[in-house]
Amino acid sequence: MIFTFLLIRPYNFFKLADQANTMKKKTKANILLVEDDKNLGFVLTDFLTMSGYSVQHAENGEAGLELFKNGKFDICILDIMMPLKDGFTLAEEIRVINDVVPIVFLTAKNLKEDRIKGFKIGGDDYMTKPFSTEELNLRIEAILRRTRLSLLNGEKETVYDLGKYKFDYSNQLLNGPKGEKRLTKKEAEVLRLLCINKNKILRREIALKMIWGEDDYFMGRSMDVYITKLRKFLSDDPAVNITNIHRTGFMLEVSE
């Protein structure tokens, strides 16, 4: 593993202790940090905590995804080269769950192709190692300012309008032309992922990992059954369709 040196000014530990006491009164934001370099992860977690943030650190992509699924974060900082799951794949899976949370990529490479791929996936910023922790902090603050309204709201969307239907995810209710139908937990989970990715492809393997926890043949057949049920539930509005994308996944198409 290549050790990464950061450009950090010498710590004034008395000043940082005062900052830590101040931080207890108010947290700026909740940060998910996914970085496999233990030394770098420790330094960044320490610096960001002292800067007023609440930080949860994972050392690989799989652990990072679990933290994201079970937590509530205002911004994600993801290393690209990691074991088990790289940062790009993790970002794609995060985008299935939440398409607005800001993502900052960290990388030891400065390749144009990587930058383009990161932004296409939905990244908001990109920093090449080594970098200044102060610059990272300023970039985080700038991104949070741009997304302040949605961050202050802090709640995930739970009610979705789908043509003649209204889907209430929290209460597992689907209201349509023929009245109200209560969905099972799995039906609601599948429909919610489709809603988050409305008019975009929902990749089969990502949906399986998000809802069933693994991607295999039998789980895939189970998901197909739920997709068939949801098609039937939504069949009273021709403007709403769930389309199979061959060997890729599904798309919830809603005509405006």
C-alpha atoms as a PDB file:
ATOM      1  CA  MET A   1       0.000   0.000   0.000  1.00  0.00           C
ATOM      2  CA  ILE A   2       1.296   3.450  -0.873  1.00  0.00           C
ATOM      3  CA  PHE A   3       1.433   5.672   2.195  1.00  0.00           C
ATOM      4  CA  THR A   4      -0.167   9.019   1.565  1.00  0.00           C
ATOM      5  CA  PHE A   5       1.154  12.188   3.162  1.00  0.00           C
ATOM      6  CA  LEU A   6      -1.259  15.040   3.750  1.00  0.00           C
ATOM      7  CA  LEU A   7      -0.337  18.684   3.792  1.00  0.00           C
ATOM      8  CA  ILE A   8      -1.314  19.545   7.356  1.00  0.00           C
ATOM      9  CA  ARG A   9      -0.263  22.511   9.411  1.00  0.00           C
ATOM     10  CA  PRO A  10       1.147  21.655  12.888  1.00  0.00           C
ATOM     11  CA  TYR A  11      -1.658  21.071  15.369  1.00  0.00           C
ATOM     12  CA  ASN A  12      -2.253  23.478  18.209  1.00  0.00           C
ATOM     13  CA  PHE A  13      -3.706  20.880  20.551  1.00  0.00           C
ATOM     14  CA  PHE A  14      -4.926  23.429  23.098  1.00  0.00           C
ATOM     15  CA  LYS A  15      -6.850  25.180  20.351  1.00  0.00           C
ATOM     16  CA  LEU A  16      -8.217  21.873  19.086  1.00  0.00           C
ATOM     17  CA  ALA A  17      -9.363  20.970  22.602  1.00  0.00           C
ATOM     18  CA  ASP A  18     -11.338  24.220  22.717  1.00  0.00           C
ATOM     19  CA  GLN A  19     -12.791  23.403  19.287  1.00  0.00           C
ATOM     20  CA  ALA A  20     -13.806  19.964  20.519  1.00  0.00           C
ATOM     21  CA  ASN A  21     -15.682  21.487  23.455  1.00  0.00           C
ATOM     22  CA  THR A  22     -17.417  23.922  21.108  1.00  0.00           C
ATOM     23  CA  MET A  23     -18.241  21.109  18.703  1.00  0.00           C
ATOM     24  CA  LYS A  24     -20.288  19.327  21.382  1.00  0.00           C
ATOM     25  CA  LYS A  25     -22.794  22.155  21.257  1.00  0.00           C
ATOM     26  CA  LYS A  26     -23.511  21.843  17.536  1.00  0.00           C
ATOM     27  CA  THR A  27     -22.453  19.473  14.763  1.00  0.00           C
ATOM     28  CA  LYS A  28     -21.971  21.034  11.342  1.00  0.00           C
ATOM     29  CA  ALA A  29     -22.922  17.905   9.410  1.00  0.00           C
ATOM     30  CA  ASN A  30     -22.747  14.107   9.429  1.00  0.00           C
ATOM     31  CA  ILE A  31     -19.975  12.718   7.222  1.00  0.00           C
ATOM     32  CA  LEU A  32     -19.478   9.191   5.912  1.00  0.00           C
ATOM     33  CA  LEU A  33     -15.755   8.630   5.280  1.00  0.00           C
ATOM     34  CA  VAL A  34     -14.772   5.456   3.425  1.00  0.00           C
ATOM     35  CA  GLU A  35     -10.973   5.115   3.223  1.00  0.00           C
ATOM     36  CA  ASP A  36      -8.961   1.900   3.397  1.00  0.00           C
ATOM     37  CA  ASP A  37      -5.681   3.525   4.480  1.00  0.00           C
ATOM     38  CA  LYS A  38      -5.926   3.316   8.288  1.00  0.00           C
ATOM     39  CA  ASN A  39      -3.449   6.141   8.904  1.00  0.00           C
ATOM     40  CA  LEU A  40      -5.141   8.491   6.459  1.00  0.00           C
ATOM     41  CA  GLY A  41      -8.573   7.507   7.755  1.00  0.00           C
ATOM     42  CA  PHE A  42      -7.500   8.288  11.331  1.00  0.00           C
ATOM     43  CA  VAL A  43      -6.029  11.678  10.381  1.00  0.00           C
ATOM     44  CA  LEU A  44      -9.083  12.720   8.365  1.00  0.00           C
ATOM     45  CA  THR A  45     -11.533  11.530  11.011  1.00  0.00           C
ATOM     46  CA  ASP A  46      -9.603  13.400  13.717  1.00  0.00           C
ATOM     47  CA  PHE A  47      -9.292  16.597  11.671  1.00  0.00           C
ATOM     48  CA  LEU A  48     -12.937  16.660  10.547  1.00  0.00           C
ATOM     49  CA  THR A  49     -14.181  15.872  14.059  1.00  0.00           C
ATOM     50  CA  MET A  50     -12.113  18.737  15.451  1.00  0.00           C
ATOM     51  CA  SER A  51     -13.548  20.919  12.681  1.00  0.00           C
ATOM     52  CA  GLY A  52     -17.057  20.354  14.009  1.00  0.00           C
ATOM     53  CA  TYR A  53     -18.324  17.377  12.014  1.00  0.00           C
ATOM     54  CA  SER A  54     -19.672  14.013  13.124  1.00  0.00           C
ATOM     55  CA  VAL A  55     -17.688  11.372  11.224  1.00  0.00           C
ATOM     56  CA  GLN A  56     -18.240   7.658  10.722  1.00  0.00           C
ATOM     57  CA  HIS A  57     -15.304   5.869   9.105  1.00  0.00           C
ATOM     58  CA  ALA A  58     -15.345   2.574   7.178  1.00  0.00           C
ATOM     59  CA  GLU A  59     -12.235   0.869   5.785  1.00  0.00           C
ATOM     60  CA  ASN A  60     -13.810  -0.781   2.722  1.00  0.00           C
ATOM     61  CA  GLY A  61     -16.728  -0.300   0.355  1.00  0.00           C
ATOM     62  CA  GLU A  62     -18.893  -3.077   1.792  1.00  0.00           C
ATOM     63  CA  ALA A  63     -18.663  -1.649   5.315  1.00  0.00           C
ATOM     64  CA  GLY A  64     -19.261   1.831   3.920  1.00  0.00           C
ATOM     65  CA  LEU A  65     -22.481   0.739   2.229  1.00  0.00           C
ATOM     66  CA  GLU A  66     -23.764  -0.818   5.460  1.00  0.00           C
ATOM     67  CA  LEU A  67     -23.061   2.387   7.359  1.00  0.00           C
ATOM     68  CA  PHE A  68     -24.875   4.434   4.714  1.00  0.00           C
ATOM     69  CA  LYS A  69     -27.910   2.142   4.698  1.00  0.00           C
ATOM     70  CA  ASN A  70     -28.220   2.335   8.486  1.00  0.00           C
ATOM     71  CA  GLY A  71     -27.291   5.977   9.018  1.00  0.00           C
ATOM     72  CA  LYS A  72     -28.175   9.477   7.939  1.00  0.00           C
ATOM     73  CA  PHE A  73     -25.393  11.444   6.263  1.00  0.00           C
ATOM     74  CA  ASP A  74     -25.113  14.935   4.817  1.00  0.00           C
ATOM     75  CA  ILE A  75     -22.042  14.189   2.681  1.00  0.00           C
ATOM     76  CA  CYS A  76     -19.944  11.148   1.676  1.00  0.00           C
ATOM     77  CA  ILE A  77     -16.167  11.125   1.166  1.00  0.00           C
ATOM     78  CA  LEU A  78     -15.107   8.026  -0.762  1.00  0.00           C
ATOM     79  CA  ASP A  79     -11.691   6.708  -1.674  1.00  0.00           C
ATOM     80  CA  ILE A  80     -11.713   5.147  -5.147  1.00  0.00           C
ATOM     81  CA  MET A  81      -9.212   2.284  -4.822  1.00  0.00           C
ATOM     82  CA  MET A  82     -10.488   0.033  -2.006  1.00  0.00           C
ATOM     83  CA  PRO A  83     -10.825  -3.691  -1.306  1.00  0.00           C
ATOM     84  CA  LEU A  84     -14.149  -5.571  -1.571  1.00  0.00           C
ATOM     85  CA  LYS A  85     -15.897  -2.662  -3.306  1.00  0.00           C
ATOM     86  CA  ASP A  86     -14.267   0.321  -5.049  1.00  0.00           C
ATOM     87  CA  GLY A  87     -15.434   3.893  -4.557  1.00  0.00           C
ATOM     88  CA  PHE A  88     -17.134   4.161  -7.949  1.00  0.00           C
ATOM     89  CA  THR A  89     -19.252   1.052  -7.321  1.00  0.00           C
ATOM     90  CA  LEU A  90     -20.092   2.268  -3.817  1.00  0.00           C
ATOM     91  CA  ALA A  91     -21.161   5.654  -5.205  1.00  0.00           C
ATOM     92  CA  GLU A  92     -23.453   3.970  -7.738  1.00  0.00           C
ATOM     93  CA  GLU A  93     -25.118   1.973  -4.964  1.00  0.00           C
ATOM     94  CA  ILE A  94     -25.458   5.050  -2.763  1.00  0.00           C
ATOM     95  CA  ARG A  95     -27.124   6.876  -5.671  1.00  0.00           C
ATOM     96  CA  VAL A  96     -29.748   4.119  -5.869  1.00  0.00           C
ATOM     97  CA  ILE A  97     -30.672   4.799  -2.241  1.00  0.00           C
ATOM     98  CA  ASN A  98     -30.201   8.567  -2.257  1.00  0.00           C
ATOM     99  CA  ASP A  99     -29.762  10.604  -5.430  1.00  0.00           C
ATOM    100  CA  VAL A 100     -29.016  13.935  -3.746  1.00  0.00           C
ATOM    101  CA  VAL A 101     -26.457  13.344  -0.968  1.00  0.00           C
ATOM    102  CA  PRO A 102     -23.152  15.004  -2.023  1.00  0.00           C
ATOM    103  CA  ILE A 103     -20.211  12.706  -2.821  1.00  0.00           C
ATOM    104  CA  VAL A 104     -16.522  13.674  -2.812  1.00  0.00           C
ATOM    105  CA  PHE A 105     -14.020  11.229  -4.341  1.00  0.00           C
ATOM    106  CA  LEU A 106     -10.457  10.801  -3.076  1.00  0.00           C
ATOM    107  CA  THR A 107      -7.815   9.222  -5.303  1.00  0.00           C
ATOM    108  CA  ALA A 108      -4.065   8.757  -5.657  1.00  0.00           C
ATOM    109  CA  LYS A 109      -4.434   8.961  -9.447  1.00  0.00           C
ATOM    110  CA  ASN A 110      -4.972  12.121 -11.455  1.00  0.00           C
ATOM    111  CA  LEU A 111      -6.464  10.652 -14.603  1.00  0.00           C
ATOM    112  CA  LYS A 112      -8.952  12.604 -16.691  1.00  0.00           C
ATOM    113  CA  GLU A 113     -10.922   9.417 -17.360  1.00  0.00           C
ATOM    114  CA  ASP A 114     -11.399   8.791 -13.630  1.00  0.00           C
ATOM    115  CA  ARG A 115     -12.614  12.340 -13.066  1.00  0.00           C
ATOM    116  CA  ILE A 116     -15.128  12.061 -15.896  1.00  0.00           C
ATOM    117  CA  LYS A 117     -16.370   8.699 -14.609  1.00  0.00           C
ATOM    118  CA  GLY A 118     -16.740  10.085 -11.093  1.00  0.00           C
ATOM    119  CA  PHE A 119     -18.810  13.057 -12.225  1.00  0.00           C
ATOM    120  CA  LYS A 120     -20.973  10.875 -14.508  1.00  0.00           C
ATOM    121  CA  ILE A 121     -21.788   8.601 -11.562  1.00  0.00           C
ATOM    122  CA  GLY A 122     -22.983  11.642  -9.660  1.00  0.00           C
ATOM    123  CA  GLY A 123     -19.923  12.845  -7.755  1.00  0.00           C
ATOM    124  CA  ASP A 124     -19.844  16.476  -6.630  1.00  0.00           C
ATOM    125  CA  ASP A 125     -16.085  16.919  -6.223  1.00  0.00           C
ATOM    126  CA  TYR A 126     -12.793  15.121  -6.733  1.00  0.00           C
ATOM    127  CA  MET A 127      -9.551  15.478  -4.752  1.00  0.00           C
ATOM    128  CA  THR A 128      -6.163  14.012  -5.692  1.00  0.00           C
ATOM    129  CA  LYS A 129      -3.792  12.802  -2.955  1.00  0.00           C
ATOM    130  CA  PRO A 130      -1.801  14.354  -1.385  1.00  0.00           C
ATOM    131  CA  PHE A 131      -4.116  17.225  -0.512  1.00  0.00           C
ATOM    132  CA  SER A 132      -4.499  19.854   2.182  1.00  0.00           C
ATOM    133  CA  THR A 133      -6.974  19.001   4.922  1.00  0.00           C
ATOM    134  CA  GLU A 134      -7.861  22.683   5.101  1.00  0.00           C
ATOM    135  CA  GLU A 135      -8.744  22.641   1.407  1.00  0.00           C
ATOM    136  CA  LEU A 136     -10.881  19.535   1.953  1.00  0.00           C
ATOM    137  CA  ASN A 137     -12.709  21.323   4.762  1.00  0.00           C
ATOM    138  CA  LEU A 138     -13.335  24.375   2.552  1.00  0.00           C
ATOM    139  CA  ARG A 139     -14.673  22.196  -0.245  1.00  0.00           C
ATOM    140  CA  ILE A 140     -16.987  20.378   2.150  1.00  0.00           C
ATOM    141  CA  GLU A 141     -18.301  23.713   3.437  1.00  0.00           C
ATOM    142  CA  ALA A 142     -18.868  24.962  -0.126  1.00  0.00           C
ATOM    143  CA  ILE A 143     -20.785  21.815  -1.107  1.00  0.00           C
ATOM    144  CA  LEU A 144     -22.918  21.967   2.034  1.00  0.00           C
ATOM    145  CA  ARG A 145     -23.753  25.607   1.373  1.00  0.00           C
ATOM    146  CA  ARG A 146     -24.982  24.700  -2.111  1.00  0.00           C
ATOM    147  CA  THR A 147     -27.214  21.977  -0.718  1.00  0.00           C
ATOM    148  CA  ARG A 148     -28.202  23.727   2.512  1.00  0.00           C
ATOM    149  CA  LEU A 149     -31.975  23.786   1.924  1.00  0.00           C
ATOM    150  CA  SER A 150     -32.234  20.066   1.300  1.00  0.00           C
ATOM    151  CA  LEU A 151     -29.844  19.308   4.147  1.00  0.00           C
ATOM    152  CA  LEU A 152     -31.803  21.430   6.612  1.00  0.00           C
ATOM    153  CA  ASN A 153     -34.948  19.588   5.602  1.00  0.00           C
ATOM    154  CA  GLY A 154     -33.062  16.401   6.339  1.00  0.00           C
ATOM    155  CA  GLU A 155     -35.878  14.002   5.499  1.00  0.00           C
ATOM    156  CA  LYS A 156     -35.906  11.514   2.664  1.00  0.00           C
ATOM    157  CA  GLU A 157     -38.825  11.756   0.292  1.00  0.00           C
ATOM    158  CA  THR A 158     -41.442   9.206   1.298  1.00  0.00           C
ATOM    159  CA  VAL A 159     -44.447  10.118  -0.897  1.00  0.00           C
ATOM    160  CA  TYR A 160     -44.146   9.730  -4.669  1.00  0.00           C
ATOM    161  CA  ASP A 161     -46.541  10.829  -7.424  1.00  0.00           C
ATOM    162  CA  LEU A 162     -46.757   8.294 -10.250  1.00  0.00           C
ATOM    163  CA  GLY A 163     -49.299   9.429 -12.819  1.00  0.00           C
ATOM    164  CA  LYS A 164     -52.722   8.642 -11.351  1.00  0.00           C
ATOM    165  CA  TYR A 165     -51.108   6.939  -8.376  1.00  0.00           C
ATOM    166  CA  LYS A 166     -49.670   8.224  -5.110  1.00  0.00           C
ATOM    167  CA  PHE A 167     -47.241   5.964  -3.279  1.00  0.00           C
ATOM    168  CA  ASP A 168     -46.744   6.499   0.460  1.00  0.00           C
ATOM    169  CA  TYR A 169     -43.595   4.533   1.264  1.00  0.00           C
ATOM    170  CA  SER A 170     -43.627   5.138   5.039  1.00  0.00           C
ATOM    171  CA  ASN A 171     -47.128   3.675   5.390  1.00  0.00           C
ATOM    172  CA  GLN A 172     -46.726   1.147   2.542  1.00  0.00           C
ATOM    173  CA  LEU A 173     -49.827   2.476   0.775  1.00  0.00           C
ATOM    174  CA  LEU A 174     -50.512   2.811  -2.942  1.00  0.00           C
ATOM    175  CA  ASN A 175     -53.499   5.003  -3.862  1.00  0.00           C
ATOM    176  CA  GLY A 176     -54.877   4.799  -7.394  1.00  0.00           C
ATOM    177  CA  PRO A 177     -58.010   4.961  -9.565  1.00  0.00           C
ATOM    178  CA  LYS A 178     -59.497   1.898  -7.859  1.00  0.00           C
ATOM    179  CA  GLY A 179     -58.733   2.954  -4.314  1.00  0.00           C
ATOM    180  CA  GLU A 180     -56.073   2.198  -1.744  1.00  0.00           C
ATOM    181  CA  LYS A 181     -53.862  -0.889  -1.543  1.00  0.00           C
ATOM    182  CA  ARG A 182     -51.527  -1.780   1.313  1.00  0.00           C
ATOM    183  CA  LEU A 183     -48.218  -3.190   0.098  1.00  0.00           C
ATOM    184  CA  THR A 184     -45.984  -5.707   1.814  1.00  0.00           C
ATOM    185  CA  LYS A 185     -42.621  -4.482   3.089  1.00  0.00           C
ATOM    186  CA  LYS A 186     -40.748  -6.039   0.139  1.00  0.00           C
ATOM    187  CA  GLU A 187     -43.237  -4.635  -2.403  1.00  0.00           C
ATOM    188  CA  ALA A 188     -42.806  -1.171  -0.885  1.00  0.00           C
ATOM    189  CA  GLU A 189     -39.000  -1.467  -0.887  1.00  0.00           C
ATOM    190  CA  VAL A 190     -38.893  -2.483  -4.562  1.00  0.00           C
ATOM    191  CA  LEU A 191     -41.331   0.246  -5.612  1.00  0.00           C
ATOM    192  CA  ARG A 192     -39.371   2.860  -3.659  1.00  0.00           C
ATOM    193  CA  LEU A 193     -36.107   1.989  -5.444  1.00  0.00           C
ATOM    194  CA  LEU A 194     -37.947   2.235  -8.751  1.00  0.00           C
ATOM    195  CA  CYS A 195     -39.384   5.630  -7.728  1.00  0.00           C
ATOM    196  CA  ILE A 196     -35.973   6.981  -6.710  1.00  0.00           C
ATOM    197  CA  ASN A 197     -34.712   5.974 -10.158  1.00  0.00           C
ATOM    198  CA  LYS A 198     -37.860   7.012 -12.059  1.00  0.00           C
ATOM    199  CA  ASN A 199     -37.245   7.077 -15.831  1.00  0.00           C
ATOM    200  CA  LYS A 200     -33.733   5.723 -15.212  1.00  0.00           C
ATOM    201  CA  ILE A 201     -32.388   2.182 -15.219  1.00  0.00           C
ATOM    202  CA  LEU A 202     -32.385   0.399 -11.858  1.00  0.00           C
ATOM    203  CA  ARG A 203     -29.666  -2.233 -12.141  1.00  0.00           C
ATOM    204  CA  ARG A 204     -30.823  -5.691 -11.094  1.00  0.00           C
ATOM    205  CA  GLU A 205     -27.743  -6.548  -9.005  1.00  0.00           C
ATOM    206  CA  ILE A 206     -27.934  -3.286  -7.065  1.00  0.00           C
ATOM    207  CA  ALA A 207     -31.637  -3.748  -6.261  1.00  0.00           C
ATOM    208  CA  LEU A 208     -30.968  -7.302  -5.063  1.00  0.00           C
ATOM    209  CA  LYS A 209     -28.140  -6.215  -2.763  1.00  0.00           C
ATOM    210  CA  MET A 210     -30.128  -3.271  -1.412  1.00  0.00           C
ATOM    211  CA  ILE A 211     -33.273  -5.261  -0.554  1.00  0.00           C
ATOM    212  CA  TRP A 212     -32.311  -8.952  -0.322  1.00  0.00           C
ATOM    213  CA  GLY A 213     -28.696  -8.440   0.757  1.00  0.00           C
ATOM    214  CA  GLU A 214     -27.191 -10.595  -1.984  1.00  0.00           C
ATOM    215  CA  ASP A 215     -27.291 -11.155  -5.734  1.00  0.00           C
ATOM    216  CA  ASP A 216     -28.005 -14.744  -6.769  1.00  0.00           C
ATOM    217  CA  TYR A 217     -30.333 -16.648  -9.095  1.00  0.00           C
ATOM    218  CA  PHE A 218     -33.014 -17.511  -6.507  1.00  0.00           C
ATOM    219  CA  MET A 219     -33.174 -13.979  -5.111  1.00  0.00           C
ATOM    220  CA  GLY A 220     -33.431 -12.727  -8.686  1.00  0.00           C
ATOM    221  CA  ARG A 221     -36.433 -14.950  -9.351  1.00  0.00           C
ATOM    222  CA  SER A 222     -38.060 -13.665  -6.162  1.00  0.00           C
ATOM    223  CA  MET A 223     -37.549 -10.063  -7.306  1.00  0.00           C
ATOM    224  CA  ASP A 224     -39.120 -10.881 -10.680  1.00  0.00           C
ATOM    225  CA  VAL A 225     -42.256 -12.028  -8.831  1.00  0.00           C
ATOM    226  CA  TYR A 226     -42.460  -8.692  -6.985  1.00  0.00           C
ATOM    227  CA  ILE A 227     -41.946  -6.758 -10.234  1.00  0.00           C
ATOM    228  CA  THR A 228     -44.852  -8.697 -11.793  1.00  0.00           C
ATOM    229  CA  LYS A 229     -47.083  -7.859  -8.811  1.00  0.00           C
ATOM    230  CA  LEU A 230     -46.182  -4.161  -9.004  1.00  0.00           C
ATOM    231  CA  ARG A 231     -46.969  -4.080 -12.726  1.00  0.00           C
ATOM    232  CA  LYS A 232     -50.436  -5.426 -11.929  1.00  0.00           C
ATOM    233  CA  PHE A 233     -50.954  -2.860  -9.154  1.00  0.00           C
ATOM    234  CA  LEU A 234     -50.028  -0.015 -11.552  1.00  0.00           C
ATOM    235  CA  SER A 235     -51.929  -1.332 -14.574  1.00  0.00           C
ATOM    236  CA  ASP A 236     -54.818   1.153 -14.385  1.00  0.00           C
ATOM    237  CA  ASP A 237     -52.680   4.015 -15.702  1.00  0.00           C
ATOM    238  CA  PRO A 238     -51.156   3.470 -19.175  1.00  0.00           C
ATOM    239  CA  ALA A 239     -48.723   6.332 -18.490  1.00  0.00           C
ATOM    240  CA  VAL A 240     -46.985   4.228 -15.807  1.00  0.00           C
ATOM    241  CA  ASN A 241     -44.969   1.181 -16.850  1.00  0.00           C
ATOM    242  CA  ILE A 242     -42.217  -1.009 -15.410  1.00  0.00           C
ATOM    243  CA  THR A 243     -40.020  -2.061 -18.336  1.00  0.00           C
ATOM    244  CA  ASN A 244     -37.486  -4.887 -18.418  1.00  0.00           C
ATOM    245  CA  ILE A 245     -34.057  -3.766 -19.658  1.00  0.00           C
ATOM    246  CA  HIS A 246     -32.501  -6.941 -21.073  1.00  0.00           C
ATOM    247  CA  ARG A 247     -29.688  -8.315 -18.876  1.00  0.00           C
ATOM    248  CA  THR A 248     -29.466  -5.010 -17.023  1.00  0.00           C
ATOM    249  CA  GLY A 249     -32.455  -4.288 -14.818  1.00  0.00           C
ATOM    250  CA  PHE A 250     -35.737  -2.394 -14.809  1.00  0.00           C
ATOM    251  CA  MET A 251     -37.042   1.084 -15.530  1.00  0.00           C
ATOM    252  CA  LEU A 252     -40.103   2.721 -14.012  1.00  0.00           C
ATOM    253  CA  GLU A 253     -41.344   4.846 -16.904  1.00  0.00           C
ATOM    254  CA  VAL A 254     -43.768   7.618 -16.026  1.00  0.00           C
ATOM    255  CA  SER A 255     -45.008   9.853 -18.843  1.00  0.00           C
ATOM    256  CA  GLU A 256     -45.381  13.493 -17.845  1.00  0.00           C
END
